[in-house]
Amino acid sequence: MPDLDQIRNLGIIAHIDAGKTTTTEHILYYAGAKHKLGGVDEGTTETDYDPEEQERGITIYSACITFPWRDSTINLIDTPGHVDFTAEVERSLRVLDGAVVVFDAQKGVEAQSETVWRQANKYSVPRIVFVNKMDVVGANFANVVDEVRERLEGRPVALSIPIGSGSPKDSARPFEATIDLVTMQALYFTGDWGKRIETRPVPEDMRAEVKHWRERLFDVLTERDDKDQITSAYLEGKDIPTETLRAVIRTQTLRGDIHPVLCGSGREHIGVQPLMDAVTYYLPSPLDRPAVEGANPKKKDRKELRKPDPKEPFCGLVFKVVADPHGELFYLRVYSGTLKSQSRPWNPGKDRKEMVTKIYHVFADPSQREELREVYAGDIVALIGLKESTTGDTLCDPNHPILLEPITFAETVVSRSIEPESSADKQKLVDTLTALRREDPTFAWRVDPETGQTVMSGMGMLHLEIKQKRMERDFRLRVRVGKPLVSFRETLRQPIENQGECVRQAGTAGLFAKVTVRLEALTDGQTNAVINELDPEVVPNAFRAAAEQGVRGALQSGEFGYPVINVRATITAAELDQQLSNEVAFEAAAADAVNQGLRNNVVLLEPVMHLEVTVPEEHMGAVTSDLNARRGEISEILTRGKLRVIEALVPLAKTFDYSEKVRSLTQGRADWTMEPHSYAPAPPEVLRGFQGGEEGW
């Protein structure tokens, strides 16, 4: 049985190209988990094992790898930075205990940095900041610390600062080492790819700067030093033992009061070992996290708690499914108890018993596995043998049921039609799409009832391209895809109340139900609320449930055939007949009431994207003019050195060719990222194009 205090379930999250995978590669090398450093550009890194990742030089799938560091065991997940794969970050943060957020020292806080920071806030994940790429032109450590404080509303405290910045070609004092503000030593990384660390005194010419940063550290720590572990000693000018200082930093990090900041460069092999030491010193073990809370599936109003203890009843969350033609791998975070191979845990959400045939510690590539006979609370493993479970499902002890809160994911925003090249492969396409949907909750597919076309939907064009390549490479299925289609939504124009009916008489048989539904617009979120005011003493529960089902079903497709959002539907009244009323009649009557209310009473909504473009100043005019032509609304223009950062809201329908356009406008010197922001009413020209059946809508 492992020592839970020495386990760290750690995620590495960041904006695309901040250097997550390179940092991970160095961690694995220094930990002895691999014998040679790989490179992202060469496609030889451990965690980017998928051929598509190696070809594109980006991370697509969150890879889990287990390795030792000092006296600890690390379960590390390297997550994607591209917004199209934000679900990989979401589900990883849901099950992790701590995170390292990597920032580019030159670019600072970027759009996707804000997204992953918000996701970490959502799950109250303690985190450490690593300012990477201190060796690049324009690297500015202090600027990144300020941006974390201002743009992310974080509370950064530097635990190390750089000696120099930039490279020998462009800097009078290039980045060469770091200074540890806790031990007050300069750390130089030498030898085999920076594997050996030499400690030296703080350089004479940096003593004033080091004193400034150390005073800032103590100013923050003493503010919340409730037990006076260091405050009195600091004010009296006494030396504070390193272990005491680390204990205070750890306490405040776990509470979320501070975010320790370290710096380095993966490419130059500087600063990675202190980062991993900081993970073991300051980030939580499973024992430091609160007991997980869930509902009792048999008594919905009763809460259940599970402590991170192997002696508690077993409870775990399936957070990822990897589809494979030879079987499926289910990643599980074990929150409490013990799970053995060949056991039969219960899935309370599906009300089914599952069979766990094998348990593995999985390395980055799922084909590399270490088989386990049992697994304990606090660990992350992969299972084989489950049949019904999907991402977000709970597994638990059948005698002590608990249902954990599922993981929520963003709505898809773009679609493409898809068909097999050979008509004989139609069923294979259905099976493949179903398998890909099981592993990725942000990927969906459906058959259009009007055209008969199969349509797949995802978070962006890159997302759908990756799915297409997976079908062709892993499932040996040749397909053709159509032009991109925008996933519109509809919402209510004005409140209305209608009575729907289902009255059919055929001799002694027939159907009868009348249901009144009031529809009102909601302003928060994109979900619908269905409220049932029918008196259970007058209307049987089965009929009440059927009416709710009818309302929800009708909201799936509005006047233009798109899902309806932001609507509160209240079932206010119903009429029934003792002989002719049944569930079918009540479902149809409720749906009829909603359909009447939506007729000529909807607003077409289009997805709007948050776009962030970083460009040299001389190209800013061309880029802003182009954004205006795309119906973009520029919300802010920031200055970052000699670069300008343009933030804008742009309709998704106007962004499909943006990559090529911005490249030509800036001679390839622009960086840009885009993420879903909201839905907004579509202007008249979009509606006219839509009603005319214009391609691309």
Foldseek 3Di string as FASTA:
>chain_A
DDDLQQEFEEEEAEAWPLCLQLLVQLVCCLLVVDPDGDDLQCLPGFQSVDPVSSVVSWDQAWFWAWGDDDPHIYTYTYATNAQQRVLRLLLSLLQGQAYEYGGAQQPAQDDSSLVSLVSNVVNVHQYAYEHAQQAAPRRDPVVNCVCCCPVNVAAEAEQKAWFAGYHPVPGPTGTAWIAGLLVQWIWGFDDDLSSDIDTDHDDPVCPVVSVVSNVVNVVQLVVPPVVPLDVVCVVVVHDHDSLSVLVSQQVCSLVRSYHYYHYDYSVSSYDSSVVVVNSSSRTGRLQSDAWAKFAFLVHRVDIDTAAQEQVTWWKWFFAFWDFAPVFIKTKIATAAHKDFAQDWWAFSVVRDIWHFHWKWRARSPNVDTDTDGMDGGRDIIITGGGDPDAHQIMTTHPVRDGGGGGRDDDEFWKKKWKDFPDPVCRVVVVVLLVSVCRGDVQKDWDQPPPPRTIMITGFDDVSVVVSQVCCCPRVVTHMDIGDMATQKEKEFQAKDKFKFWAFADDPLATATKIWIKIKHFADDDWAEAEAEPDDCVVPPPLLSVLLSLLQCVLQCQAPLGHHYTRMYMYTHDMDHDPRHYDSVGSSNRSSRRVRVSRVVGMFMKFWKKKKKKKAFPVLVVVVVVLCVVQVKAWDDWDDRPRIIITIIIGTPLSCPCVVVVVCVSRVNGMDMGMGTDDIDGDDPVVVVCSVVVPPRD
